[in-house]
Amino acid sequence: MLTYCANCVMPDSKPDLQLDAHGVCNACRAYEDRKVVDWGARYQDLLTVL
C-alpha cells in the first residue's frame, strides 16, 4: 500500500523519497531548510569564485 507525504502528498513509491516520523518527505524538509540559509553570504561566496 502506498504511503503519502503529509505535506505535499508525494507517494513513497518515488525513488529516493523517505518519510520521517511525522510523515513528511525529505524533499519537503529540504525545502523548509532553505529558510535558514544565509543567502547573502552565499552570494558573496559566489562573487568570490567568479
N, C-alpha and C. Protein backbone atom coordinates (compact mmCIF):
# COMPACT_ATOMS: atom_id res chain seq x y z
N MET A 1 0.84 -1.19 0.00
CA MET A 1 0.00 0.00 0.00
C MET A 1 0.88 1.25 0.00
N LEU A 2 0.49 2.24 -0.75
CA LEU A 2 1.26 3.48 -0.84
C LEU A 2 1.05 4.33 0.40
N THR A 3 2.12 4.99 0.78
CA THR A 3 2.06 5.99 1.84
C THR A 3 2.41 7.32 1.22
N TYR A 4 1.74 8.37 1.64
CA TYR A 4 1.92 9.69 1.04
C TYR A 4 2.48 10.68 2.06
N CYS A 5 3.24 11.65 1.55
CA CYS A 5 3.76 12.73 2.38
C CYS A 5 2.59 13.53 2.95
N ALA A 6 2.67 13.84 4.22
CA ALA A 6 1.60 14.60 4.88
C ALA A 6 1.57 16.05 4.41
N ASN A 7 2.63 16.51 3.75
CA ASN A 7 2.72 17.90 3.32
C ASN A 7 2.39 18.06 1.83
N CYS A 8 3.08 17.33 0.98
CA CYS A 8 2.93 17.53 -0.47
C CYS A 8 2.18 16.41 -1.18
N VAL A 9 1.85 15.35 -0.48
CA VAL A 9 1.11 14.20 -0.98
C VAL A 9 1.87 13.42 -2.04
N MET A 10 3.20 13.48 -2.02
CA MET A 10 4.03 12.68 -2.93
C MET A 10 4.03 11.24 -2.41
N PRO A 11 3.82 10.25 -3.27
CA PRO A 11 3.80 8.86 -2.81
C PRO A 11 5.21 8.35 -2.50
N ASP A 12 5.29 7.41 -1.58
CA ASP A 12 6.59 6.86 -1.21
C ASP A 12 7.15 5.93 -2.28
N SER A 13 6.44 5.74 -3.38
CA SER A 13 6.95 4.93 -4.49
C SER A 13 7.97 5.71 -5.33
N LYS A 14 8.09 7.02 -5.11
CA LYS A 14 9.08 7.82 -5.83
C LYS A 14 10.48 7.40 -5.35
N PRO A 15 11.40 7.14 -6.27
CA PRO A 15 12.76 6.74 -5.86
C PRO A 15 13.42 7.78 -4.96
N ASP A 16 14.15 7.31 -3.98
CA ASP A 16 14.92 8.13 -3.04
C ASP A 16 14.06 9.03 -2.16
N LEU A 17 12.78 8.75 -2.02
CA LEU A 17 11.92 9.54 -1.16
C LEU A 17 11.75 8.80 0.16
N GLN A 18 12.07 9.47 1.25
CA GLN A 18 11.88 8.88 2.57
C GLN A 18 10.94 9.75 3.37
N LEU A 19 10.10 9.11 4.14
CA LEU A 19 9.18 9.82 5.03
C LEU A 19 9.74 9.74 6.44
N ASP A 20 9.69 10.87 7.17
CA ASP A 20 10.17 10.88 8.55
C ASP A 20 9.07 10.40 9.49
N ALA A 21 9.31 10.50 10.78
CA ALA A 21 8.35 10.02 11.79
C ALA A 21 7.03 10.78 11.75
N HIS A 22 7.07 12.00 11.20
CA HIS A 22 5.86 12.82 11.11
C HIS A 22 5.14 12.64 9.78
N GLY A 23 5.68 11.78 8.91
CA GLY A 23 5.06 11.53 7.61
C GLY A 23 5.38 12.58 6.56
N VAL A 24 6.44 13.37 6.79
CA VAL A 24 6.84 14.41 5.84
C VAL A 24 8.07 13.91 5.09
N CYS A 25 8.07 14.11 3.78
CA CYS A 25 9.16 13.58 2.95
C CYS A 25 10.43 14.43 3.05
N ASN A 26 11.54 13.82 2.61
CA ASN A 26 12.83 14.51 2.66
C ASN A 26 12.87 15.71 1.71
N ALA A 27 12.10 15.70 0.64
CA ALA A 27 12.07 16.85 -0.27
C ALA A 27 11.42 18.05 0.42
N CYS A 28 10.36 17.83 1.15
CA CYS A 28 9.70 18.93 1.88
C CYS A 28 10.61 19.46 2.98
N ARG A 29 11.32 18.57 3.66
CA ARG A 29 12.25 19.01 4.72
C ARG A 29 13.38 19.84 4.12
N ALA A 30 13.89 19.44 2.97
CA ALA A 30 14.96 20.21 2.32
C ALA A 30 14.44 21.58 1.91
N TYR A 31 13.21 21.65 1.44
CA TYR A 31 12.61 22.93 1.06
C TYR A 31 12.48 23.84 2.29
N GLU A 32 12.10 23.27 3.42
CA GLU A 32 11.97 24.05 4.65
C GLU A 32 13.33 24.57 5.12
N ASP A 33 14.39 23.79 4.90
CA ASP A 33 15.73 24.18 5.36
C ASP A 33 16.28 25.39 4.61
N ARG A 34 15.70 25.72 3.45
CA ARG A 34 16.16 26.90 2.70
C ARG A 34 15.99 28.18 3.50
N LYS A 35 15.08 28.21 4.45
CA LYS A 35 14.80 29.41 5.23
C LYS A 35 15.97 29.77 6.15
N VAL A 36 16.79 28.80 6.52
CA VAL A 36 17.87 29.06 7.46
C VAL A 36 19.21 29.30 6.77
N VAL A 37 19.24 29.31 5.44
CA VAL A 37 20.46 29.57 4.69
C VAL A 37 20.71 31.07 4.64
N ASP A 38 21.94 31.46 4.88
CA ASP A 38 22.32 32.87 4.77
C ASP A 38 22.62 33.15 3.30
N TRP A 39 21.59 33.57 2.57
CA TRP A 39 21.73 33.76 1.13
C TRP A 39 22.68 34.90 0.78
N GLY A 40 22.78 35.90 1.64
CA GLY A 40 23.73 37.00 1.40
C GLY A 40 25.16 36.50 1.41
N ALA A 41 25.47 35.66 2.38
CA ALA A 41 26.82 35.10 2.46
C ALA A 41 27.09 34.16 1.28
N ARG A 42 26.10 33.40 0.89
CA ARG A 42 26.25 32.50 -0.25
C ARG A 42 26.51 33.32 -1.53
N TYR A 43 25.83 34.45 -1.66
CA TYR A 43 26.03 35.30 -2.83
C TYR A 43 27.45 35.86 -2.84
N GLN A 44 27.95 36.28 -1.70
CA GLN A 44 29.31 36.79 -1.62
C GLN A 44 30.32 35.71 -1.96
N ASP A 45 30.08 34.46 -1.53
CA ASP A 45 30.94 33.35 -1.89
C ASP A 45 30.95 33.14 -3.41
N LEU A 46 29.78 33.26 -4.02
CA LEU A 46 29.68 33.12 -5.48
C LEU A 46 30.50 34.20 -6.16
N LEU A 47 30.37 35.45 -5.70
CA LEU A 47 31.14 36.53 -6.31
C LEU A 47 32.64 36.30 -6.17
N THR A 48 33.06 35.75 -5.06
CA THR A 48 34.47 35.44 -4.84
C THR A 48 34.96 34.40 -5.85
N VAL A 49 34.14 33.38 -6.07
CA VAL A 49 34.51 32.32 -7.01
C VAL A 49 34.55 32.86 -8.43
N LEU A 50 33.58 33.70 -8.76
CA LEU A 50 33.53 34.23 -10.12
C LEU A 50 34.63 35.24 -10.34
